[in-house]
Structure formats: structure tokens, C-alpha cells
C-alpha atoms as a PDB file:
ATOM      1  CA  MET A   1     -39.324  44.373 -44.946  1.00  0.00           C
ATOM      2  CA  LEU A   2     -39.907  47.256 -42.263  1.00  0.00           C
ATOM      3  CA  ALA A   3     -38.637  45.082 -38.922  1.00  0.00           C
ATOM      4  CA  ALA A   4     -35.338  44.524 -41.065  1.00  0.00           C
ATOM      5  CA  PHE A   5     -34.800  48.297 -41.335  1.00  0.00           C
ATOM      6  CA  PHE A   6     -35.188  49.094 -37.647  1.00  0.00           C
ATOM      7  CA  PHE A   7     -32.874  45.974 -37.150  1.00  0.00           C
ATOM      8  CA  TYR A   8     -30.209  47.556 -38.677  1.00  0.00           C
ATOM      9  CA  LEU A   9     -30.956  50.784 -38.037  1.00  0.00           C
ATOM     10  CA  PHE A  10     -30.698  50.216 -33.940  1.00  0.00           C
ATOM     11  CA  ALA A  11     -27.510  47.604 -34.471  1.00  0.00           C
ATOM     12  CA  THR A  12     -26.088  49.903 -35.996  1.00  0.00           C
ATOM     13  CA  VAL A  13     -26.428  52.854 -34.438  1.00  0.00           C
ATOM     14  CA  CYS A  14     -25.646  50.522 -30.787  1.00  0.00           C
ATOM     15  CA  VAL A  15     -22.080  49.311 -32.313  1.00  0.00           C
ATOM     16  CA  GLY A  16     -21.173  52.766 -32.938  1.00  0.00           C
ATOM     17  CA  ALA A  17     -22.260  54.009 -29.574  1.00  0.00           C
ATOM     18  CA  ALA A  18     -20.203  51.147 -27.841  1.00  0.00           C
ATOM     19  CA  PHE A  19     -17.436  52.074 -29.768  1.00  0.00           C
ATOM     20  CA  MET A  20     -17.433  55.767 -28.836  1.00  0.00           C
ATOM     21  CA  VAL A  21     -17.872  54.282 -25.262  1.00  0.00           C
ATOM     22  CA  ILE A  22     -14.261  53.405 -25.577  1.00  0.00           C
ATOM     23  CA  ALA A  23     -13.429  56.305 -28.143  1.00  0.00           C
ATOM     24  CA  ALA A  24     -14.882  59.196 -26.322  1.00  0.00           C
ATOM     25  CA  ARG A  25     -11.965  61.329 -24.580  1.00  0.00           C
ATOM     26  CA  ASN A  26     -14.691  63.223 -22.527  1.00  0.00           C
ATOM     27  CA  PRO A  27     -15.908  60.721 -19.602  1.00  0.00           C
ATOM     28  CA  VAL A  28     -19.994  62.310 -19.934  1.00  0.00           C
ATOM     29  CA  HIS A  29     -19.920  62.460 -23.657  1.00  0.00           C
ATOM     30  CA  ALA A  30     -18.529  58.676 -23.270  1.00  0.00           C
ATOM     31  CA  VAL A  31     -21.472  58.126 -20.115  1.00  0.00           C
ATOM     32  CA  LEU A  32     -24.239  59.284 -22.718  1.00  0.00           C
ATOM     33  CA  PHE A  33     -22.859  57.687 -25.796  1.00  0.00           C
ATOM     34  CA  LEU A  34     -23.240  54.095 -23.359  1.00  0.00           C
ATOM     35  CA  ILE A  35     -26.830  55.899 -22.827  1.00  0.00           C
ATOM     36  CA  LEU A  36     -27.797  55.683 -26.549  1.00  0.00           C
ATOM     37  CA  ALA A  37     -26.385  52.207 -26.738  1.00  0.00           C
ATOM     38  CA  PHE A  38     -29.147  51.236 -24.705  1.00  0.00           C
ATOM     39  CA  PHE A  39     -31.469  52.345 -25.767  1.00  0.00           C
ATOM     40  CA  ASN A  40     -30.453  50.794 -28.869  1.00  0.00           C
ATOM     41  CA  ALA A  41     -29.960  47.479 -27.097  1.00  0.00           C
ATOM     42  CA  ALA A  42     -33.811  48.048 -25.747  1.00  0.00           C
ATOM     43  CA  GLY A  43     -35.084  48.761 -28.791  1.00  0.00           C
ATOM     44  CA  LEU A  44     -33.636  45.016 -30.511  1.00  0.00           C
ATOM     45  CA  PHE A  45     -35.413  43.385 -27.628  1.00  0.00           C
ATOM     46  CA  VAL A  46     -39.089  45.059 -28.615  1.00  0.00           C
ATOM     47  CA  LEU A  47     -38.405  43.994 -32.108  1.00  0.00           C
ATOM     48  CA  LEU A  48     -37.495  40.229 -30.538  1.00  0.00           C
ATOM     49  CA  GLY A  49     -40.302  39.952 -28.741  1.00  0.00           C
ATOM     50  CA  ALA A  50     -39.095  40.108 -25.322  1.00  0.00           C
ATOM     51  CA  GLU A  51     -40.483  43.600 -24.045  1.00  0.00           C
ATOM     52  CA  PHE A  52     -40.306  42.958 -20.484  1.00  0.00           C
ATOM     53  CA  LEU A  53     -36.597  42.686 -21.071  1.00  0.00           C
ATOM     54  CA  ALA A  54     -36.400  46.361 -22.940  1.00  0.00           C
ATOM     55  CA  MET A  55     -38.167  47.774 -20.203  1.00  0.00           C
ATOM     56  CA  ILE A  56     -36.245  46.891 -17.334  1.00  0.00           C
ATOM     57  CA  LEU A  57     -32.830  47.870 -19.730  1.00  0.00           C
ATOM     58  CA  VAL A  58     -34.506  51.231 -19.926  1.00  0.00           C
ATOM     59  CA  VAL A  59     -35.595  51.581 -16.041  1.00  0.00           C
ATOM     60  CA  VAL A  60     -32.743  50.201 -13.983  1.00  0.00           C
ATOM     61  CA  TYR A  61     -29.783  50.889 -16.273  1.00  0.00           C
ATOM     62  CA  VAL A  62     -30.537  53.925 -18.277  1.00  0.00           C
ATOM     63  CA  GLY A  63     -32.990  55.774 -15.112  1.00  0.00           C
ATOM     64  CA  ALA A  64     -30.647  54.653 -12.567  1.00  0.00           C
ATOM     65  CA  VAL A  65     -27.699  53.789 -12.545  1.00  0.00           C
ATOM     66  CA  LEU A  66     -26.272  55.374 -15.729  1.00  0.00           C
ATOM     67  CA  VAL A  67     -27.933  58.706 -14.297  1.00  0.00           C
ATOM     68  CA  LEU A  68     -25.950  57.960 -11.075  1.00  0.00           C
ATOM     69  CA  PHE A  69     -22.790  57.445 -12.950  1.00  0.00           C
ATOM     70  CA  LEU A  70     -22.773  60.469 -14.783  1.00  0.00           C
ATOM     71  CA  PHE A  71     -23.845  62.055 -11.435  1.00  0.00           C
ATOM     72  CA  VAL A  72     -20.552  60.997 -10.372  1.00  0.00           C
ATOM     73  CA  VAL A  73     -18.578  61.630 -13.013  1.00  0.00           C
ATOM     74  CA  MET A  74     -20.051  65.528 -13.433  1.00  0.00           C
ATOM     75  CA  MET A  75     -19.377  65.709  -9.400  1.00  0.00           C
ATOM     76  CA  LEU A  76     -15.652  64.469  -8.993  1.00  0.00           C
ATOM     77  CA  ASP A  77     -13.702  66.521 -10.067  1.00  0.00           C
ATOM     78  CA  VAL A  78     -11.261  64.161 -11.804  1.00  0.00           C
ATOM     79  CA  ASP A  79      -7.643  65.209 -13.709  1.00  0.00           C
ATOM     80  CA  PHE A  80      -8.349  62.792 -16.447  1.00  0.00           C
ATOM     81  CA  ALA A  81      -4.942  64.387 -18.163  1.00  0.00           C
ATOM     82  CA  GLU A  82      -3.358  63.145 -14.984  1.00  0.00           C
ATOM     83  CA  LEU A  83      -4.867  59.775 -15.517  1.00  0.00           C
ATOM     84  CA  ARG A  84      -3.849  59.462 -18.831  1.00  0.00           C
ATOM     85  CA  ALA A  85      -0.378  60.179 -18.674  1.00  0.00           C
ATOM     86  CA  GLY A  86       0.094  56.178 -17.576  1.00  0.00           C
ATOM     87  CA  PHE A  87      -1.605  55.310 -20.880  1.00  0.00           C
ATOM     88  CA  LEU A  88       1.958  54.150 -22.210  1.00  0.00           C
ATOM     89  CA  LYS A  89       3.407  52.948 -19.159  1.00  0.00           C
ATOM     90  CA  PHE A  90       0.348  49.737 -18.959  1.00  0.00           C
ATOM     91  CA  LEU A  91       0.299  49.856 -22.979  1.00  0.00           C
ATOM     92  CA  PRO A  92       2.533  46.748 -23.371  1.00  0.00           C
ATOM     93  CA  VAL A  93      -0.030  45.079 -20.623  1.00  0.00           C
ATOM     94  CA  GLY A  94      -2.992  45.466 -21.851  1.00  0.00           C
ATOM     95  CA  ALA A  95      -2.118  44.650 -25.354  1.00  0.00           C
ATOM     96  CA  LEU A  96      -0.906  41.622 -24.112  1.00  0.00           C
ATOM     97  CA  VAL A  97      -3.996  41.178 -22.752  1.00  0.00           C
ATOM     98  CA  GLY A  98      -6.193  41.840 -25.645  1.00  0.00           C
ATOM     99  CA  LEU A  99      -4.409  39.830 -27.792  1.00  0.00           C
ATOM    100  CA  VAL A 100      -4.912  36.578 -25.636  1.00  0.00           C
ATOM    101  CA  LEU A 101      -8.638  37.596 -26.266  1.00  0.00           C
ATOM    102  CA  LEU A 102      -8.338  37.784 -29.906  1.00  0.00           C
ATOM    103  CA  VAL A 103      -6.242  34.249 -29.943  1.00  0.00           C
ATOM    104  CA  GLU A 104      -9.572  33.192 -27.394  1.00  0.00           C
ATOM    105  CA  LEU A 105     -12.326  34.225 -29.931  1.00  0.00           C
ATOM    106  CA  VAL A 106     -10.375  33.086 -33.043  1.00  0.00           C
ATOM    107  CA  PHE A 107     -10.503  29.537 -30.884  1.00  0.00           C
ATOM    108  CA  ILE A 108     -13.922  29.747 -30.215  1.00  0.00           C
ATOM    109  CA  LEU A 109     -14.520  30.850 -34.074  1.00  0.00           C
ATOM    110  CA  ALA A 110     -13.146  27.446 -35.237  1.00  0.00           C
ATOM    111  CA  ALA A 111     -14.302  25.437 -33.620  1.00  0.00           C
ATOM    112  CA  TRP A 112     -18.057  26.998 -33.402  1.00  0.00           C
ATOM    113  CA  VAL A 113     -20.383  23.627 -34.475  1.00  0.00           C
ATOM    114  CA  THR A 114     -23.889  24.524 -35.976  1.00  0.00           C
ATOM    115  CA  ALA A 115     -26.452  21.605 -34.378  1.00  0.00           C
ATOM    116  CA  PRO A 116     -28.881  20.437 -37.391  1.00  0.00           C
ATOM    117  CA  ASP A 117     -31.181  19.548 -34.371  1.00  0.00           C
ATOM    118  CA  ILE A 118     -31.074  22.256 -31.975  1.00  0.00           C
ATOM    119  CA  VAL A 119     -34.496  23.591 -33.363  1.00  0.00           C
ATOM    120  CA  ALA A 120     -36.015  20.197 -32.142  1.00  0.00           C
ATOM    121  CA  GLN A 121     -34.637  19.905 -28.649  1.00  0.00           C
ATOM    122  CA  ALA A 122     -35.383  23.569 -28.105  1.00  0.00           C
ATOM    123  CA  PRO A 123     -38.926  23.623 -24.979  1.00  0.00           C
ATOM    124  CA  THR A 124     -42.051  24.599 -26.200  1.00  0.00           C
ATOM    125  CA  PRO A 125     -42.889  28.036 -26.346  1.00  0.00           C
ATOM    126  CA  PRO A 126     -45.996  29.504 -23.983  1.00  0.00           C
ATOM    127  CA  ALA A 127     -49.546  29.376 -24.972  1.00  0.00           C
ATOM    128  CA  ALA A 128     -50.421  32.661 -26.490  1.00  0.00           C
ATOM    129  CA  LEU A 129     -52.544  33.884 -23.800  1.00  0.00           C
ATOM    130  CA  ILE A 130     -49.578  34.382 -21.462  1.00  0.00           C
ATOM    131  CA  SER A 131     -47.879  37.728 -21.829  1.00  0.00           C
ATOM    132  CA  ASN A 132     -44.172  37.728 -21.570  1.00  0.00           C
ATOM    133  CA  THR A 133     -43.652  38.890 -18.295  1.00  0.00           C
ATOM    134  CA  GLU A 134     -46.013  36.754 -16.785  1.00  0.00           C
ATOM    135  CA  ALA A 135     -43.961  33.182 -18.682  1.00  0.00           C
ATOM    136  CA  ILE A 136     -40.293  34.871 -17.736  1.00  0.00           C
ATOM    137  CA  GLY A 137     -41.832  35.687 -14.254  1.00  0.00           C
ATOM    138  CA  GLN A 138     -43.220  31.845 -14.008  1.00  0.00           C
ATOM    139  CA  ILE A 139     -40.206  30.072 -15.356  1.00  0.00           C
ATOM    140  CA  LEU A 140     -38.177  32.474 -12.752  1.00  0.00           C
ATOM    141  CA  TYR A 141     -40.037  31.971  -9.312  1.00  0.00           C
ATOM    142  CA  THR A 142     -40.868  28.364  -9.792  1.00  0.00           C
ATOM    143  CA  ARG A 143     -37.613  26.666 -11.682  1.00  0.00           C
ATOM    144  CA  TYR A 144     -35.150  28.727 -11.166  1.00  0.00           C
ATOM    145  CA  VAL A 145     -36.308  29.773  -7.789  1.00  0.00           C
ATOM    146  CA  TYR A 146     -33.497  28.967  -5.541  1.00  0.00           C
ATOM    147  CA  LEU A 147     -30.753  30.115  -8.105  1.00  0.00           C
ATOM    148  CA  PHE A 148     -32.498  33.832  -7.992  1.00  0.00           C
ATOM    149  CA  GLN A 149     -32.695  34.130  -4.599  1.00  0.00           C
ATOM    150  CA  ALA A 150     -29.140  33.056  -4.118  1.00  0.00           C
ATOM    151  CA  ALA A 151     -27.920  35.969  -6.855  1.00  0.00           C
ATOM    152  CA  GLY A 152     -30.258  38.362  -4.428  1.00  0.00           C
ATOM    153  CA  LEU A 153     -28.270  36.963  -1.607  1.00  0.00           C
ATOM    154  CA  ILE A 154     -24.822  37.546  -3.775  1.00  0.00           C
ATOM    155  CA  LEU A 155     -25.648  40.739  -4.648  1.00  0.00           C
ATOM    156  CA  LEU A 156     -26.477  42.210  -0.961  1.00  0.00           C
ATOM    157  CA  VAL A 157     -23.214  41.162   0.130  1.00  0.00           C
ATOM    158  CA  ALA A 158     -21.635  42.601  -2.388  1.00  0.00           C
ATOM    159  CA  MET A 159     -23.508  45.888  -1.356  1.00  0.00           C
ATOM    160  CA  ILE A 160     -22.666  45.402   1.741  1.00  0.00           C
ATOM    161  CA  GLY A 161     -18.798  44.931   1.499  1.00  0.00           C
ATOM    162  CA  ALA A 162     -18.663  47.928  -0.796  1.00  0.00           C
ATOM    163  CA  ILE A 163     -20.144  49.874   1.942  1.00  0.00           C
ATOM    164  CA  VAL A 164     -17.716  48.369   4.606  1.00  0.00           C
ATOM    165  CA  LEU A 165     -14.651  48.873   2.292  1.00  0.00           C
ATOM    166  CA  THR A 166     -15.797  52.864   1.525  1.00  0.00           C
ATOM    167  CA  LEU A 167     -17.032  53.656   4.654  1.00  0.00           C
ATOM    168  CA  HIS A 168     -14.238  55.624   6.729  1.00  0.00           C
ATOM    169  CA  HIS A 169     -15.240  56.871  10.117  1.00  0.00           C
ATOM    170  CA  LYS A 170     -14.082  60.623  11.284  1.00  0.00           C
ATOM    171  CA  ARG A 171     -12.348  60.702  14.590  1.00  0.00           C
ATOM    172  CA  TYR A 172     -14.211  63.379  15.670  1.00  0.00           C
ATOM    173  CA  VAL A 173     -17.537  62.800  14.684  1.00  0.00           C
ATOM    174  CA  ARG A 174     -19.736  61.356  17.644  1.00  0.00           C
ATOM    175  CA  ARG A 175     -21.476  58.512  16.990  1.00  0.00           C
ATOM    176  CA  GLN A 176     -24.236  56.687  19.169  1.00  0.00           C
ATOM    177  CA  SER A 177     -23.444  53.303  20.508  1.00  0.00           C
ATOM    178  CA  ILE A 178     -26.639  51.237  21.095  1.00  0.00           C
ATOM    179  CA  ALA A 179     -24.881  48.658  23.633  1.00  0.00           C
ATOM    180  CA  GLU A 180     -23.438  51.394  25.699  1.00  0.00           C
ATOM    181  CA  GLN A 181     -27.110  53.202  25.628  1.00  0.00           C
ATOM    182  CA  VAL A 182     -28.644  49.598  26.909  1.00  0.00           C
ATOM    183  CA  GLY A 183     -26.278  48.630  29.187  1.00  0.00           C
ATOM    184  CA  ARG A 184     -26.122  51.563  31.452  1.00  0.00           C
ATOM    185  CA  THR A 185     -27.060  52.126  34.312  1.00  0.00           C
ATOM    186  CA  ARG A 186     -28.903  54.631  36.937  1.00  0.00           C
ATOM    187  CA  GLU A 187     -25.838  55.947  38.086  1.00  0.00           C
ATOM    188  CA  GLU A 188     -24.120  56.409  35.077  1.00  0.00           C
ATOM    189  CA  SER A 189     -27.466  58.169  33.523  1.00  0.00           C
ATOM    190  CA  VAL A 190     -28.633  60.233  36.633  1.00  0.00           C
ATOM    191  CA  GLU A 191     -26.762  62.922  38.478  1.00  0.00           C
ATOM    192  CA  LEU A 192     -28.350  64.173  41.870  1.00  0.00           C
ATOM    193  CA  VAL A 193     -27.350  68.066  42.563  1.00  0.00           C
ATOM    194  CA  GLU A 194     -28.441  69.496  46.062  1.00  0.00           C
ATOM    195  CA  VAL A 195     -29.144  72.914  45.406  1.00  0.00           C
ATOM    196  CA  GLU A 196     -29.420  75.438  47.765  1.00  0.00           C
ATOM    197  CA  SER A 197     -32.397  77.899  47.307  1.00  0.00           C
ATOM    198  CA  GLY A 198     -32.174  80.824  46.202  1.00  0.00           C
ATOM    199  CA  ARG A 199     -28.968  79.664  44.401  1.00  0.00           C
ATOM    200  CA  GLY A 200     -28.268  77.793  41.382  1.00  0.00           C
ATOM    201  CA  LEU A 201     -25.936  75.515  39.464  1.00  0.00           C
ATOM    202  CA  SER A 202     -22.751  76.961  38.322  1.00  0.00           C
END
């Protein structure tokens, strides 16, 4: 009874916060509602026995990504009134995309079939002595190790691409060139100047 109460509590607050993310007019409030939605989703993961996923959701998404989003939104001086000015211009395209997604969801629900023997085909749960985190690690680094490495490589390439696309060099800033430093000669690096006795360099 208590677990069902907390499930409905977390689920209701999570859905309400997710709706407020897209309904809030202030972007800072939208980010705060998203943090609330992630906390309630973490509570649902705890009820399901996936405490590792709940910890990752709170530490990674709430503690790093969303806080970064919040700082960026608060530091940027964005004129949101100007951004909303062109809302009506893109409303037909947005309505068309929403209609297509709604039709696809209806087709999915209409073709939904429940398999009675799906429980028998489920993999056997790990031993009781193994924690949830240890079981995820054993599966992730044994059966799916190549897929895990490929996902990390894709994220690395995406990060490098984002840096390359957003990095703009200023012309008046002097930058270090490693190739020129390594390839320089003695004549380019050292200049011998004869100075007369009692006189300095002009």
C-alpha cells in the first residue's frame, strides 16, 4: 500500500513537472521544473529497485547537465519576447509534425499485442548476493562491452564536432604554433648583436 502511494505520488509530480517544462514562460522556471521531474523519476527508479539508475539520474543529469543549463540560461541575455514573435509563423509546421506523431502513436496502440509467454522468455535475475550496480557492471563490461565502447567513441566525436563548430579564432590574438617552434633554425631563434663598450642597445 505504501509503495503504491509513493508510486502515484512520484508519477503524478513527474508528469506535472514535465508538462510545466514546456508550459512555463520563464526558461529558468522551466529548468527548475525539469530538475523536479528528474528527482521524481529517480524516486520511481528506487521503487523499481534500480538504485544505480536513480543515482546516475540525480548525479549526472541534475548535478551536472541541468545546473549547467541553468547557468547558461541565467548568464545569457536572450530576448525571449523576440523569439516568441515568430511563433505563429512556424505554428502550421509544428501542428503538422504533432499530428503525424499523434497518428503514429495511435497506430502503435492499435497494433499492441500482449505476449502471454513473455515472462518465461525473460532472462533469469542475478543472484541475491549480487547488488544491482554489480549486476549492471557485469553485463555492461562483458556482453555489451563493444557497444559500450562504441557509444563512448560516438560521444567523443560529437563533443569534438561541437567544439570545432563553435570555436571561433580571433584574428588579433597571437596563438602558439607548435610546428613553427619545433621547425625553427638557429638563425631564426638567436640573433648575435655586437655592442660597443659603454653603449647600450638603441
